[in-house]
Amino acid sequence: MELLIYTKTYNEADAIHNFMDMYNSLHMTHLASDLLKKGLSPDQIKDAVATAIKIAKTSGIETNKHFMPVYSGINEEIIQDCKLSHLGYGLVIMNADKSLPLVGSFQVDVLKEFLNELH
């Protein structure tokens, strides 16, 4: 069941903002909670998402196109989650706990791809 927010009146700016949020969310095909299956803890995911958003902001990336706070149902619980674009998902993995094999192998793969493009 989806959560809908109802208000009696809408102004045009809100309608445009809501449409853009919906449009941007279509390109967010990942959930931060997907990383639970990859061995990250909820706290590691939370920290990695916060760091990824900071990096996106300082890099001039429009965060609303890559990160969208949502709530997900997992194991009969509702948790705070985040929808992510491919870029957002990559930034989260790249900035997760460096002791995790997923993070190290991802960083090495990104560096190899970058170095291949230089040649």
Protein backbone atom coordinates (compact mmCIF):
# COMPACT_ATOMS: atom_id res chain seq x y z
CA MET A 1 0.00 0.00 0.00
CA GLU A 2 1.35 3.40 -0.97
CA LEU A 3 1.15 6.40 1.31
CA LEU A 4 -0.63 9.37 -0.25
CA ILE A 5 -0.67 12.85 1.18
CA TYR A 6 -3.96 14.63 0.67
CA THR A 7 -4.52 18.34 0.91
CA LYS A 8 -7.70 20.18 -0.02
CA THR A 9 -5.97 22.76 -2.18
CA TYR A 10 -2.82 22.69 -4.25
CA ASN A 11 -0.93 25.63 -5.62
CA GLU A 12 0.75 25.47 -8.99
CA ALA A 13 4.28 25.48 -7.60
CA ASP A 14 3.49 22.48 -5.37
CA ALA A 15 1.98 20.60 -8.31
CA ILE A 16 5.09 21.20 -10.44
CA HIS A 17 7.37 20.22 -7.55
CA ASN A 18 5.38 17.01 -6.94
CA PHE A 19 5.50 16.15 -10.65
CA MET A 20 9.27 16.66 -10.76
CA ASP A 21 9.69 14.50 -7.65
CA MET A 22 7.67 11.75 -9.30
CA TYR A 23 9.62 12.09 -12.55
CA ASN A 24 12.98 12.00 -10.76
CA SER A 25 11.91 8.99 -8.70
CA LEU A 26 11.35 7.00 -11.91
CA HIS A 27 15.13 7.07 -12.43
CA MET A 28 15.84 5.96 -8.88
CA THR A 29 15.86 2.20 -9.25
CA HIS A 30 17.77 1.32 -6.08
CA LEU A 31 16.95 1.46 -2.39
CA ALA A 32 19.57 2.09 0.27
CA SER A 33 18.06 -0.83 2.18
CA ASP A 34 19.13 -3.14 -0.68
CA LEU A 35 22.61 -2.85 0.83
CA LEU A 36 21.44 -4.82 3.86
CA LYS A 37 21.59 -7.90 1.60
CA LYS A 38 25.17 -6.97 0.68
CA GLY A 39 26.35 -7.06 4.31
CA LEU A 40 25.98 -3.44 5.40
CA SER A 41 24.33 -2.65 8.73
CA PRO A 42 21.57 -0.01 9.02
CA ASP A 43 24.02 2.40 10.70
CA GLN A 44 26.64 1.87 7.97
CA ILE A 45 24.01 2.57 5.31
CA LYS A 46 22.78 5.68 7.13
CA ASP A 47 26.34 7.07 7.41
CA ALA A 48 27.16 6.22 3.78
CA VAL A 49 23.98 7.91 2.50
CA ALA A 50 24.71 11.06 4.55
CA THR A 51 28.27 11.20 3.21
CA ALA A 52 27.13 10.55 -0.37
CA ILE A 53 24.62 13.41 -0.16
CA LYS A 54 27.31 15.77 1.20
CA ILE A 55 29.64 14.82 -1.66
CA ALA A 56 26.87 15.31 -4.22
CA LYS A 57 26.11 18.77 -2.83
CA THR A 58 29.76 19.87 -2.82
CA SER A 59 30.13 18.55 -6.38
CA GLY A 60 27.20 20.63 -7.61
CA ILE A 61 24.95 17.62 -8.22
CA GLU A 62 21.23 18.17 -7.73
CA THR A 63 20.60 15.77 -4.87
CA ASN A 64 16.84 15.60 -5.49
CA LYS A 65 17.61 13.79 -8.76
CA HIS A 66 19.62 11.08 -7.03
CA PHE A 67 18.40 10.75 -3.43
CA MET A 68 14.80 10.59 -2.21
CA PRO A 69 13.89 9.80 1.40
CA VAL A 70 11.16 7.15 1.58
CA TYR A 71 9.84 4.58 4.03
CA SER A 72 10.08 0.86 3.30
CA GLY A 73 8.49 -2.16 4.89
CA ILE A 74 11.02 -4.80 5.90
CA ASN A 75 10.20 -7.80 8.10
CA GLU A 76 6.89 -6.30 9.19
CA GLU A 77 8.63 -3.06 10.21
CA ILE A 78 8.58 0.34 8.60
CA ILE A 79 12.06 1.79 8.22
CA GLN A 80 13.43 5.07 6.94
CA ASP A 81 14.99 4.37 3.55
CA CYS A 82 16.26 6.25 0.52
CA LYS A 83 15.57 5.75 -3.18
CA LEU A 84 18.75 6.12 -5.20
CA SER A 85 19.69 6.67 -8.83
CA HIS A 86 22.60 4.69 -10.25
CA LEU A 87 24.90 7.60 -9.39
CA GLY A 88 23.46 7.87 -5.88
CA TYR A 89 23.81 4.12 -5.34
CA GLY A 90 27.43 4.24 -6.48
CA LEU A 91 28.21 7.18 -4.23
CA VAL A 92 26.70 5.35 -1.26
CA ILE A 93 28.74 2.21 -1.91
CA MET A 94 31.89 4.22 -2.51
CA ASN A 95 31.46 6.02 0.82
CA ALA A 96 30.43 3.08 2.96
CA ASP A 97 32.65 1.43 5.58
CA LYS A 98 36.00 0.79 3.88
CA SER A 99 36.48 -2.49 5.75
CA LEU A 100 33.67 -4.13 3.75
CA PRO A 101 34.75 -6.24 0.76
CA LEU A 102 31.92 -4.78 -1.36
CA VAL A 103 33.28 -1.27 -0.88
CA GLY A 104 36.88 -2.13 -1.64
CA SER A 105 36.07 -4.12 -4.76
CA PHE A 106 33.72 -1.37 -5.98
CA GLN A 107 36.38 1.30 -5.53
CA VAL A 108 38.98 -0.81 -7.37
CA ASP A 109 36.54 -1.46 -10.24
CA VAL A 110 35.77 2.27 -10.55
CA LEU A 111 39.49 3.11 -10.57
CA LYS A 112 40.24 0.45 -13.18
CA GLU A 113 37.49 1.80 -15.42
CA PHE A 114 38.78 5.34 -14.96
CA LEU A 115 42.34 4.29 -15.83
CA ASN A 116 41.12 2.37 -18.90
CA GLU A 117 39.46 5.54 -20.18
CA LEU A 118 42.75 7.45 -19.89
CA HIS A 119 44.49 5.10 -22.34
